Amino acid sequence: MQMCTDGMLNHMRTTIMLPDDLYAEVRRSAVRDGRTITSLIEEALRAQLRADAEACDRPPFRVDVIEGRGLQPGVDLDDNSALAELMGRS
């Protein structure tokens, strides 16, 4: 990686490996929008980082545990259709 200074802005030069089909799609999008591939990738990365940060800010999903009699005889949690049938009978 190389660090270059462009006026007051610092930029990191790096190489990324993209599948050919993804690169072609990114290139088409950049040309269509009249922008650089770098700007498109930068915008996508910033959007993903914002989404990740927002996801971390949300409280964790909470599951309330209710005491009961446990797993009932004949219930197979790996068999969705049998489980649905049993639930329909209750």
PDB file of N, CA and C in Angstrom:
ATOM      1  N   MET A   1       0.840  -1.182   0.000  1.00  0.00           N
ATOM      2  CA  MET A   1       0.000   0.000   0.000  1.00  0.00           C
ATOM      3  C   MET A   1       0.881   1.240   0.000  1.00  0.00           C
ATOM      4  N   GLN A   2       0.390   2.244  -0.662  1.00  0.00           N
ATOM      5  CA  GLN A   2       1.103   3.508  -0.685  1.00  0.00           C
ATOM      6  C   GLN A   2       0.196   4.583  -0.110  1.00  0.00           C
ATOM      7  N   MET A   3       0.792   5.511   0.604  1.00  0.00           N
ATOM      8  CA  MET A   3       0.052   6.637   1.143  1.00  0.00           C
ATOM      9  C   MET A   3       0.446   7.844   0.319  1.00  0.00           C
ATOM     10  N   CYS A   4      -0.518   8.535  -0.253  1.00  0.00           N
ATOM     11  CA  CYS A   4      -0.184   9.741  -1.004  1.00  0.00           C
ATOM     12  C   CYS A   4      -0.983  10.902  -0.445  1.00  0.00           C
ATOM     13  N   THR A   5      -0.421  12.077  -0.553  1.00  0.00           N
ATOM     14  CA  THR A   5      -1.080  13.267  -0.058  1.00  0.00           C
ATOM     15  C   THR A   5      -1.449  14.133  -1.246  1.00  0.00           C
ATOM     16  N   ASP A   6      -2.708  14.465  -1.321  1.00  0.00           N
ATOM     17  CA  ASP A   6      -3.236  15.306  -2.394  1.00  0.00           C
ATOM     18  C   ASP A   6      -3.765  16.564  -1.737  1.00  0.00           C
ATOM     19  N   GLY A   7      -2.917  17.591  -1.623  1.00  0.00           N
ATOM     20  CA  GLY A   7      -3.314  18.789  -0.903  1.00  0.00           C
ATOM     21  C   GLY A   7      -3.494  18.444   0.567  1.00  0.00           C
ATOM     22  N   MET A   8      -4.684  18.704   1.107  1.00  0.00           N
ATOM     23  CA  MET A   8      -4.957  18.425   2.508  1.00  0.00           C
ATOM     24  C   MET A   8      -5.543  17.021   2.704  1.00  0.00           C
ATOM     25  N   LEU A   9      -5.865  16.337   1.609  1.00  0.00           N
ATOM     26  CA  LEU A   9      -6.515  15.039   1.712  1.00  0.00           C
ATOM     27  C   LEU A   9      -5.500  13.912   1.689  1.00  0.00           C
ATOM     28  N   ASN A  10      -5.709  12.927   2.534  1.00  0.00           N
ATOM     29  CA  ASN A  10      -4.867  11.734   2.524  1.00  0.00           C
ATOM     30  C   ASN A  10      -5.650  10.605   1.875  1.00  0.00           C
ATOM     31  N   HIS A  11      -4.987   9.864   1.013  1.00  0.00           N
ATOM     32  CA  HIS A  11      -5.602   8.738   0.318  1.00  0.00           C
ATOM     33  C   HIS A  11      -4.687   7.538   0.459  1.00  0.00           C
ATOM     34  N   MET A  12      -5.276   6.384   0.607  1.00  0.00           N
ATOM     35  CA  MET A  12      -4.519   5.145   0.662  1.00  0.00           C
ATOM     36  C   MET A  12      -4.713   4.447  -0.672  1.00  0.00           C
ATOM     37  N   ARG A  13      -3.633   4.108  -1.314  1.00  0.00           N
ATOM     38  CA  ARG A  13      -3.698   3.355  -2.563  1.00  0.00           C
ATOM     39  C   ARG A  13      -3.581   1.880  -2.211  1.00  0.00           C
ATOM     40  N   THR A  14      -4.513   1.099  -2.724  1.00  0.00           N
ATOM     41  CA  THR A  14      -4.491  -0.328  -2.457  1.00  0.00           C
ATOM     42  C   THR A  14      -5.025  -1.075  -3.670  1.00  0.00           C
ATOM     43  N   THR A  15      -4.829  -2.345  -3.688  1.00  0.00           N
ATOM     44  CA  THR A  15      -5.332  -3.191  -4.768  1.00  0.00           C
ATOM     45  C   THR A  15      -6.394  -4.111  -4.190  1.00  0.00           C
ATOM     46  N   ILE A  16      -7.515  -4.191  -4.873  1.00  0.00           N
ATOM     47  CA  ILE A  16      -8.555  -5.130  -4.450  1.00  0.00           C
ATOM     48  C   ILE A  16      -8.801  -6.114  -5.587  1.00  0.00           C
ATOM     49  N   MET A  17      -9.169  -7.307  -5.220  1.00  0.00           N
ATOM     50  CA  MET A  17      -9.462  -8.340  -6.204  1.00  0.00           C
ATOM     51  C   MET A  17     -10.977  -8.503  -6.274  1.00  0.00           C
ATOM     52  N   LEU A  18     -11.533  -8.318  -7.467  1.00  0.00           N
ATOM     53  CA  LEU A  18     -12.968  -8.475  -7.675  1.00  0.00           C
ATOM     54  C   LEU A  18     -13.203  -9.533  -8.744  1.00  0.00           C
ATOM     55  N   PRO A  19     -14.268 -10.300  -8.601  1.00  0.00           N
ATOM     56  CA  PRO A  19     -14.619 -11.222  -9.684  1.00  0.00           C
ATOM     57  C   PRO A  19     -14.884 -10.412 -10.961  1.00  0.00           C
ATOM     58  N   ASP A  20     -14.552 -10.986 -12.110  1.00  0.00           N
ATOM     59  CA  ASP A  20     -14.690 -10.272 -13.377  1.00  0.00           C
ATOM     60  C   ASP A  20     -16.101  -9.744 -13.601  1.00  0.00           C
ATOM     61  N   ASP A  21     -17.112 -10.552 -13.286  1.00  0.00           N
ATOM     62  CA  ASP A  21     -18.488 -10.123 -13.523  1.00  0.00           C
ATOM     63  C   ASP A  21     -18.875  -8.941 -12.635  1.00  0.00           C
ATOM     64  N   LEU A  22     -18.391  -8.925 -11.389  1.00  0.00           N
ATOM     65  CA  LEU A  22     -18.677  -7.806 -10.495  1.00  0.00           C
ATOM     66  C   LEU A  22     -17.978  -6.541 -10.973  1.00  0.00           C
ATOM     67  N   TYR A  23     -16.717  -6.677 -11.377  1.00  0.00           N
ATOM     68  CA  TYR A  23     -15.981  -5.517 -11.877  1.00  0.00           C
ATOM     69  C   TYR A  23     -16.681  -4.933 -13.108  1.00  0.00           C
ATOM     70  N   ALA A  24     -17.138  -5.804 -14.014  1.00  0.00           N
ATOM     71  CA  ALA A  24     -17.816  -5.333 -15.222  1.00  0.00           C
ATOM     72  C   ALA A  24     -19.091  -4.575 -14.853  1.00  0.00           C
ATOM     73  N   GLU A  25     -19.820  -5.076 -13.870  1.00  0.00           N
ATOM     74  CA  GLU A  25     -21.043  -4.402 -13.441  1.00  0.00           C
ATOM     75  C   GLU A  25     -20.738  -3.052 -12.798  1.00  0.00           C
ATOM     76  N   VAL A  26     -19.707  -3.012 -11.975  1.00  0.00           N
ATOM     77  CA  VAL A  26     -19.297  -1.752 -11.338  1.00  0.00           C
ATOM     78  C   VAL A  26     -18.860  -0.750 -12.403  1.00  0.00           C
ATOM     79  N   ARG A  27     -18.090  -1.222 -13.358  1.00  0.00           N
ATOM     80  CA  ARG A  27     -17.598  -0.341 -14.428  1.00  0.00           C
ATOM     81  C   ARG A  27     -18.773   0.225 -15.235  1.00  0.00           C
ATOM     82  N   ARG A  28     -19.725  -0.631 -15.615  1.00  0.00           N
ATOM     83  CA  ARG A  28     -20.902  -0.160 -16.364  1.00  0.00           C
ATOM     84  C   ARG A  28     -21.678   0.894 -15.569  1.00  0.00           C
ATOM     85  N   SER A  29     -21.848   0.635 -14.282  1.00  0.00           N
ATOM     86  CA  SER A  29     -22.577   1.578 -13.437  1.00  0.00           C
ATOM     87  C   SER A  29     -21.851   2.917 -13.346  1.00  0.00           C
ATOM     88  N   ALA A  30     -20.540   2.863 -13.187  1.00  0.00           N
ATOM     89  CA  ALA A  30     -19.751   4.098 -13.090  1.00  0.00           C
ATOM     90  C   ALA A  30     -19.834   4.887 -14.391  1.00  0.00           C
ATOM     91  N   VAL A  31     -19.695   4.211 -15.531  1.00  0.00           N
ATOM     92  CA  VAL A  31     -19.772   4.889 -16.826  1.00  0.00           C
ATOM     93  C   VAL A  31     -21.153   5.497 -17.016  1.00  0.00           C
ATOM     94  N   ARG A  32     -22.184   4.721 -16.694  1.00  0.00           N
ATOM     95  CA  ARG A  32     -23.562   5.192 -16.852  1.00  0.00           C
ATOM     96  C   ARG A  32     -23.816   6.456 -16.036  1.00  0.00           C
ATOM     97  N   ASP A  33     -23.249   6.492 -14.812  1.00  0.00           N
ATOM     98  CA  ASP A  33     -23.479   7.627 -13.916  1.00  0.00           C
ATOM     99  C   ASP A  33     -22.463   8.744 -14.088  1.00  0.00           C
ATOM    100  N   GLY A  34     -21.486   8.542 -14.986  1.00  0.00           N
ATOM    101  CA  GLY A  34     -20.470   9.579 -15.227  1.00  0.00           C
ATOM    102  C   GLY A  34     -19.558   9.792 -14.033  1.00  0.00           C
ATOM    103  N   ARG A  35     -19.176   8.701 -13.385  1.00  0.00           N
ATOM    104  CA  ARG A  35     -18.299   8.818 -12.214  1.00  0.00           C
ATOM    105  C   ARG A  35     -17.197   7.782 -12.293  1.00  0.00           C
ATOM    106  N   THR A  36     -16.284   7.862 -11.355  1.00  0.00           N
ATOM    107  CA  THR A  36     -15.165   6.920 -11.354  1.00  0.00           C
ATOM    108  C   THR A  36     -15.551   5.653 -10.608  1.00  0.00           C
ATOM    109  N   ILE A  37     -14.853   4.581 -10.942  1.00  0.00           N
ATOM    110  CA  ILE A  37     -15.041   3.323 -10.226  1.00  0.00           C
ATOM    111  C   ILE A  37     -14.674   3.523  -8.761  1.00  0.00           C
ATOM    112  N   THR A  38     -13.612   4.261  -8.508  1.00  0.00           N
ATOM    113  CA  THR A  38     -13.187   4.532  -7.132  1.00  0.00           C
ATOM    114  C   THR A  38     -14.301   5.198  -6.331  1.00  0.00           C
ATOM    115  N   SER A  39     -14.961   6.198  -6.908  1.00  0.00           N
ATOM    116  CA  SER A  39     -16.018   6.899  -6.163  1.00  0.00           C
ATOM    117  C   SER A  39     -17.198   5.979  -5.887  1.00  0.00           C
ATOM    118  N   LEU A  40     -17.509   5.108  -6.839  1.00  0.00           N
ATOM    119  CA  LEU A  40     -18.617   4.171  -6.644  1.00  0.00           C
ATOM    120  C   LEU A  40     -18.292   3.175  -5.534  1.00  0.00           C
ATOM    121  N   ILE A  41     -17.092   2.622  -5.551  1.00  0.00           N
ATOM    122  CA  ILE A  41     -16.680   1.673  -4.513  1.00  0.00           C
ATOM    123  C   ILE A  41     -16.617   2.364  -3.158  1.00  0.00           C
ATOM    124  N   GLU A  42     -16.087   3.589  -3.127  1.00  0.00           N
ATOM    125  CA  GLU A  42     -16.009   4.334  -1.863  1.00  0.00           C
ATOM    126  C   GLU A  42     -17.396   4.561  -1.283  1.00  0.00           C
ATOM    127  N   GLU A  43     -18.342   4.964  -2.119  1.00  0.00           N
ATOM    128  CA  GLU A  43     -19.708   5.203  -1.643  1.00  0.00           C
ATOM    129  C   GLU A  43     -20.333   3.917  -1.103  1.00  0.00           C
ATOM    130  N   ALA A  44     -20.127   2.805  -1.807  1.00  0.00           N
ATOM    131  CA  ALA A  44     -20.692   1.528  -1.367  1.00  0.00           C
ATOM    132  C   ALA A  44     -20.088   1.093  -0.033  1.00  0.00           C
ATOM    133  N   LEU A  45     -18.785   1.261   0.121  1.00  0.00           N
ATOM    134  CA  LEU A  45     -18.137   0.889   1.382  1.00  0.00           C
ATOM    135  C   LEU A  45     -18.625   1.757   2.531  1.00  0.00           C
ATOM    136  N   ARG A  46     -18.745   3.058   2.289  1.00  0.00           N
ATOM    137  CA  ARG A  46     -19.228   3.960   3.348  1.00  0.00           C
ATOM    138  C   ARG A  46     -20.664   3.592   3.753  1.00  0.00           C
ATOM    139  N   ALA A  47     -21.507   3.283   2.775  1.00  0.00           N
ATOM    140  CA  ALA A  47     -22.895   2.906   3.078  1.00  0.00           C
ATOM    141  C   ALA A  47     -22.932   1.629   3.908  1.00  0.00           C
ATOM    142  N   GLN A  48     -22.099   0.652   3.560  1.00  0.00           N
ATOM    143  CA  GLN A  48     -22.070  -0.604   4.322  1.00  0.00           C
ATOM    144  C   GLN A  48     -21.559  -0.368   5.735  1.00  0.00           C
ATOM    145  N   LEU A  49     -20.532   0.456   5.889  1.00  0.00           N
ATOM    146  CA  LEU A  49     -19.998   0.745   7.225  1.00  0.00           C
ATOM    147  C   LEU A  49     -21.029   1.475   8.082  1.00  0.00           C
ATOM    148  N   ARG A  50     -21.796   2.394   7.469  1.00  0.00           N
ATOM    149  CA  ARG A  50     -22.876   3.077   8.213  1.00  0.00           C
ATOM    150  C   ARG A  50     -23.930   2.075   8.664  1.00  0.00           C
ATOM    151  N   ALA A  51     -24.318   1.188   7.759  1.00  0.00           N
ATOM    152  CA  ALA A  51     -25.333   0.175   8.104  1.00  0.00           C
ATOM    153  C   ALA A  51     -24.827  -0.725   9.225  1.00  0.00           C
ATOM    154  N   ASP A  52     -23.556  -1.126   9.165  1.00  0.00           N
ATOM    155  CA  ASP A  52     -22.983  -1.959  10.225  1.00  0.00           C
ATOM    156  C   ASP A  52     -23.002  -1.228  11.561  1.00  0.00           C
ATOM    157  N   ALA A  53     -22.638   0.062  11.538  1.00  0.00           N
ATOM    158  CA  ALA A  53     -22.609   0.844  12.778  1.00  0.00           C
ATOM    159  C   ALA A  53     -24.016   0.994  13.346  1.00  0.00           C
ATOM    160  N   GLU A  54     -25.002   1.216  12.474  1.00  0.00           N
ATOM    161  CA  GLU A  54     -26.388   1.340  12.937  1.00  0.00           C
ATOM    162  C   GLU A  54     -26.879   0.027  13.526  1.00  0.00           C
ATOM    163  N   ALA A  55     -26.488  -1.079  12.934  1.00  0.00           N
ATOM    164  CA  ALA A  55     -26.890  -2.390  13.451  1.00  0.00           C
ATOM    165  C   ALA A  55     -26.302  -2.624  14.832  1.00  0.00           C
ATOM    166  N   CYS A  56     -25.104  -2.131  15.065  1.00  0.00           N
ATOM    167  CA  CYS A  56     -24.463  -2.295  16.376  1.00  0.00           C
ATOM    168  C   CYS A  56     -25.115  -1.401  17.426  1.00  0.00           C
ATOM    169  N   ASP A  57     -25.736  -0.306  16.984  1.00  0.00           N
ATOM    170  CA  ASP A  57     -26.367   0.625  17.916  1.00  0.00           C
ATOM    171  C   ASP A  57     -27.721   0.123  18.408  1.00  0.00           C
ATOM    172  N   ARG A  58     -28.318  -0.825  17.683  1.00  0.00           N
ATOM    173  CA  ARG A  58     -29.616  -1.357  18.093  1.00  0.00           C
ATOM    174  C   ARG A  58     -29.442  -2.283  19.280  1.00  0.00           C
ATOM    175  N   PRO A  59     -30.413  -2.288  20.177  1.00  0.00           N
ATOM    176  CA  PRO A  59     -30.314  -3.226  21.293  1.00  0.00           C
ATOM    177  C   PRO A  59     -30.388  -4.657  20.768  1.00  0.00           C
ATOM    178  N   PRO A  60     -29.725  -5.574  21.428  1.00  0.00           N
ATOM    179  CA  PRO A  60     -29.760  -6.959  20.959  1.00  0.00           C
ATOM    180  C   PRO A  60     -31.177  -7.527  21.073  1.00  0.00           C
ATOM    181  N   PHE A  61     -31.476  -8.458  20.188  1.00  0.00           N
ATOM    182  CA  PHE A  61     -32.772  -9.128  20.222  1.00  0.00           C
ATOM    183  C   PHE A  61     -32.873  -9.913  21.518  1.00  0.00           C
ATOM    184  N   ARG A  62     -34.005  -9.807  22.164  1.00  0.00           N
ATOM    185  CA  ARG A  62     -34.169 -10.470  23.452  1.00  0.00           C
ATOM    186  C   ARG A  62     -35.246 -11.542  23.354  1.00  0.00           C
ATOM    187  N   VAL A  63     -34.961 -12.678  23.876  1.00  0.00           N
ATOM    188  CA  VAL A  63     -35.924 -13.768  23.924  1.00  0.00           C
ATOM    189  C   VAL A  63     -36.271 -14.008  25.382  1.00  0.00           C
ATOM    190  N   ASP A  64     -37.547 -13.884  25.694  1.00  0.00           N
ATOM    191  CA  ASP A  64     -37.992 -14.151  27.057  1.00  0.00           C
ATOM    192  C   ASP A  64     -38.213 -15.652  27.206  1.00  0.00           C
ATOM    193  N   VAL A  65     -37.655 -16.213  28.246  1.00  0.00           N
ATOM    194  CA  VAL A  65     -37.794 -17.643  28.507  1.00  0.00           C
ATOM    195  C   VAL A  65     -38.992 -17.842  29.424  1.00  0.00           C
ATOM    196  N   ILE A  66     -39.863 -18.721  29.004  1.00  0.00           N
ATOM    197  CA  ILE A  66     -41.055 -19.022  29.784  1.00  0.00           C
ATOM    198  C   ILE A  66     -40.923 -20.454  30.273  1.00  0.00           C
ATOM    199  N   GLU A  67     -41.073 -20.620  31.538  1.00  0.00           N
ATOM    200  CA  GLU A  67     -40.961 -21.975  32.072  1.00  0.00           C
ATOM    201  C   GLU A  67     -42.161 -22.801  31.634  1.00  0.00           C
ATOM    202  N   GLY A  68     -41.892 -24.041  31.335  1.00  0.00           N
ATOM    203  CA  GLY A  68     -42.963 -24.927  30.890  1.00  0.00           C
ATOM    204  C   GLY A  68     -42.594 -26.354  31.215  1.00  0.00           C
ATOM    205  N   ARG A  69     -43.214 -27.254  30.487  1.00  0.00           N
ATOM    206  CA  ARG A  69     -42.979 -28.666  30.742  1.00  0.00           C
ATOM    207  C   ARG A  69     -41.886 -29.242  29.846  1.00  0.00           C
ATOM    208  N   GLY A  70     -41.249 -28.411  29.066  1.00  0.00           N
ATOM    209  CA  GLY A  70     -40.191 -28.908  28.190  1.00  0.00           C
ATOM    210  C   GLY A  70     -40.756 -29.500  26.917  1.00  0.00           C
ATOM    211  N   LEU A  71     -39.916 -30.167  26.181  1.00  0.00           N
ATOM    212  CA  LEU A  71     -40.308 -30.783  24.924  1.00  0.00           C
ATOM    213  C   LEU A  71     -41.249 -31.946  25.192  1.00  0.00           C
ATOM    214  N   GLN A  72     -42.369 -31.927  24.530  1.00  0.00           N
ATOM    215  CA  GLN A  72     -43.397 -32.947  24.740  1.00  0.00           C
ATOM    216  C   GLN A  72     -43.081 -34.211  23.945  1.00  0.00           C
ATOM    217  N   PRO A  73     -43.540 -35.369  24.419  1.00  0.00           N
ATOM    218  CA  PRO A  73     -43.308 -36.627  23.700  1.00  0.00           C
ATOM    219  C   PRO A  73     -43.876 -36.555  22.289  1.00  0.00           C
ATOM    220  N   GLY A  74     -43.127 -37.086  21.334  1.00  0.00           N
ATOM    221  CA  GLY A  74     -43.581 -37.120  19.951  1.00  0.00           C
ATOM    222  C   GLY A  74     -43.244 -35.881  19.152  1.00  0.00           C
ATOM    223  N   VAL A  75     -42.633 -34.890  19.773  1.00  0.00           N
ATOM    224  CA  VAL A  75     -42.275 -33.663  19.069  1.00  0.00           C
ATOM    225  C   VAL A  75     -40.857 -33.807  18.527  1.00  0.00           C
ATOM    226  N   ASP A  76     -40.729 -33.641  17.209  1.00  0.00           N
ATOM    227  CA  ASP A  76     -39.426 -33.684  16.552  1.00  0.00           C
ATOM    228  C   ASP A  76     -39.167 -32.311  15.947  1.00  0.00           C
ATOM    229  N   LEU A  77     -38.296 -31.537  16.561  1.00  0.00           N
ATOM    230  CA  LEU A  77     -38.044 -30.175  16.103  1.00  0.00           C
ATOM    231  C   LEU A  77     -37.395 -30.124  14.732  1.00  0.00           C
ATOM    232  N   ASP A  78     -36.892 -31.245  14.240  1.00  0.00           N
ATOM    233  CA  ASP A  78     -36.285 -31.292  12.911  1.00  0.00           C
ATOM    234  C   ASP A  78     -37.296 -31.604  11.819  1.00  0.00           C
ATOM    235  N   ASP A  79     -38.546 -31.856  12.173  1.00  0.00           N
ATOM    236  CA  ASP A  79     -39.589 -32.210  11.207  1.00  0.00           C
ATOM    237  C   ASP A  79     -40.658 -31.125  11.227  1.00  0.00           C
ATOM    238  N   ASN A  80     -40.510 -30.142  10.334  1.00  0.00           N
ATOM    239  CA  ASN A  80     -41.409 -28.985  10.331  1.00  0.00           C
ATOM    240  C   ASN A  80     -42.861 -29.352  10.082  1.00  0.00           C
ATOM    241  N   SER A  81     -43.107 -30.261   9.145  1.00  0.00           N
ATOM    242  CA  SER A  81     -44.502 -30.590   8.837  1.00  0.00           C
ATOM    243  C   SER A  81     -45.168 -31.308  10.010  1.00  0.00           C
ATOM    244  N   ALA A  82     -44.443 -32.219  10.678  1.00  0.00           N
ATOM    245  CA  ALA A  82     -45.005 -32.906  11.843  1.00  0.00           C
ATOM    246  C   ALA A  82     -45.226 -31.909  12.978  1.00  0.00           C
ATOM    247  N   LEU A  83     -44.312 -30.972  13.142  1.00  0.00           N
ATOM    248  CA  LEU A  83     -44.446 -29.960  14.192  1.00  0.00           C
ATOM    249  C   LEU A  83     -45.671 -29.082  13.922  1.00  0.00           C
ATOM    250  N   ALA A  84     -45.842 -28.668  12.668  1.00  0.00           N
ATOM    251  CA  ALA A  84     -47.012 -27.853  12.331  1.00  0.00           C
ATOM    252  C   ALA A  84     -48.297 -28.622  12.584  1.00  0.00           C
ATOM    253  N   GLU A  85     -48.303 -29.889  12.263  1.00  0.00           N
ATOM    254  CA  GLU A  85     -49.491 -30.720  12.492  1.00  0.00           C
ATOM    255  C   GLU A  85     -49.803 -30.806  13.983  1.00  0.00           C
ATOM    256  N   LEU A  86     -48.788 -31.053  14.812  1.00  0.00           N
ATOM    257  CA  LEU A  86     -48.983 -31.104  16.254  1.00  0.00           C
ATOM    258  C   LEU A  86     -49.482 -29.779  16.818  1.00  0.00           C
ATOM    259  N   MET A  87     -48.960 -28.701  16.313  1.00  0.00           N
ATOM    260  CA  MET A  87     -49.374 -27.381  16.807  1.00  0.00           C
ATOM    261  C   MET A  87     -50.813 -27.095  16.427  1.00  0.00           C
ATOM    262  N   GLY A  88     -51.246 -27.621  15.303  1.00  0.00           N
ATOM    263  CA  GLY A  88     -52.629 -27.414  14.859  1.00  0.00           C
ATOM    264  C   GLY A  88     -53.627 -28.148  15.735  1.00  0.00           C
ATOM    265  N   ARG A  89     -53.190 -29.204  16.362  1.00  0.00           N
ATOM    266  CA  ARG A  89     -54.067 -29.999  17.219  1.00  0.00           C
ATOM    267  C   ARG A  89     -54.228 -29.397  18.605  1.00  0.00           C
ATOM    268  N   SER A  90     -53.263 -28.568  19.030  1.00  0.00           N
ATOM    269  CA  SER A  90     -53.326 -28.092  20.411  1.00  0.00           C
ATOM    270  C   SER A  90     -54.336 -27.014  20.621  1.00  0.00           C
TER     271      SER A  90
END
